[in-house]
Amino acid sequence: MLRFATFGDILIRLSPPGFKRLSQTSSLEINIGGAEANVAVALSQWKNEVQMISAVPDNDLGKMVTDKLSGLNVDIKNISKGDGRIGLYFLEPGTGTRGGKVTYDRQGSLFSIQDPDNWHWPELINENISWFHWSGITPALTESSFLSTKKALEHVSNKGITVSVDLNYRGNLWKWGKDPIEVCPQLVAKSDIIITNEEATRKMLGLNIDYIDEEVIRTNYDRMAGDILDAFPMLKMVFIPIRRTVDASENYISLYGFDGEKGYLSTGIQVKNIVDRVGAGDAMTAAIIHGISSGKPLDQIINLGVAASALKHSIPGDFLISDFSEVESIALGNKSKISR
């Protein structure tokens, strides 16, 4: 069995109940999240061995995080603890014509201020690890987080470890003095599989993809994926998530995948009555990773990715809590039926 490792900051999410605005509420619901943690949890639900590499404060909040992840079968032995704070984000849920809103309070989180030399990569990613996953959120946090990611990728390079990245552009996080175009290409150059959309490709990789028409589903995705592979020869596969928003309660999602020879576009799913879209992209990423590592063909992988993402829209919180059989059933078109 392959063993996976994800690396990133773990957050506590605070949100008002129902669809209240922050200014209306007298209470906040607590969830655990973070892009890399979300991927780890989904993979662990699907009977994969997954470890999370991170840092949390040595207090009750840090314990809450590690207890939650451990309870979901994520290996937490490489989540270090120390003095400091945990990152928070406040989510005001969207509904109908009102979009959701995220307010970050994560500056100075213990993870983000770790000295890059604190991560002992030969011990953290040893011969037992077959797959390493990172996201574009981590290098956005601080220069230290960027350098930590860079050192991790330098360590895994040429060790036969598959490296995946979900670029995840977050403009509000890039505050430490570097533009993502100065930082991300050198990290992507050491990766094997990339999940990226039009915005991330432009703003984080600096590629000119002005030929993409975002209102037309299949326009030139073959060309975009080919341009990405040409720019980053180490990459073997490109995945492009596609989301078309009707309003905050209804989205259309699909997924394009390219393996260097042939591109496929998934069956699209119209997701209505959205409960919680946070983590839906991470669920898609986890399904891509699981599908590749299980040896599934590309045309199946993309439909599993869309199914996992659609399913996450129906589940409150950041995590996808689901057996993989449920994802497979949705991918086959079995939606909304009672399982008896």
Foldseek 3Di string as FASTA:
>chain_A
DAEEEEEDAKEKEWEAPDQDFPVPHPGTDIFIDDLRLQLQLLLLLQVHAYEYAFEAEPDPVVVVRVVVSVVSVYHDPNHHYHDWHGKYKYWNPADFAGHIDIDTDGQGGPRLPDALVVDPQCVVDHPRHQEYEYELLQVLAEVRSLVNLVVNLVVCAPVNHAYEYEHPDDPVRNDHPDFLCVRQVVNVLSHAEYEYEDVSCCRNNVDDPVQDDLVDDPRCPVVVFVVVCVSRVNYQKYKYKRWDDPHSFWIKIWMWMDRPPDIDIADIDIAGRFPDQAQLQSQLVSLLVVCVVVPHDPRLSRLLSNLSSSQVSNDPHNHRNDHSVSSVCVSVPNPDDDDD
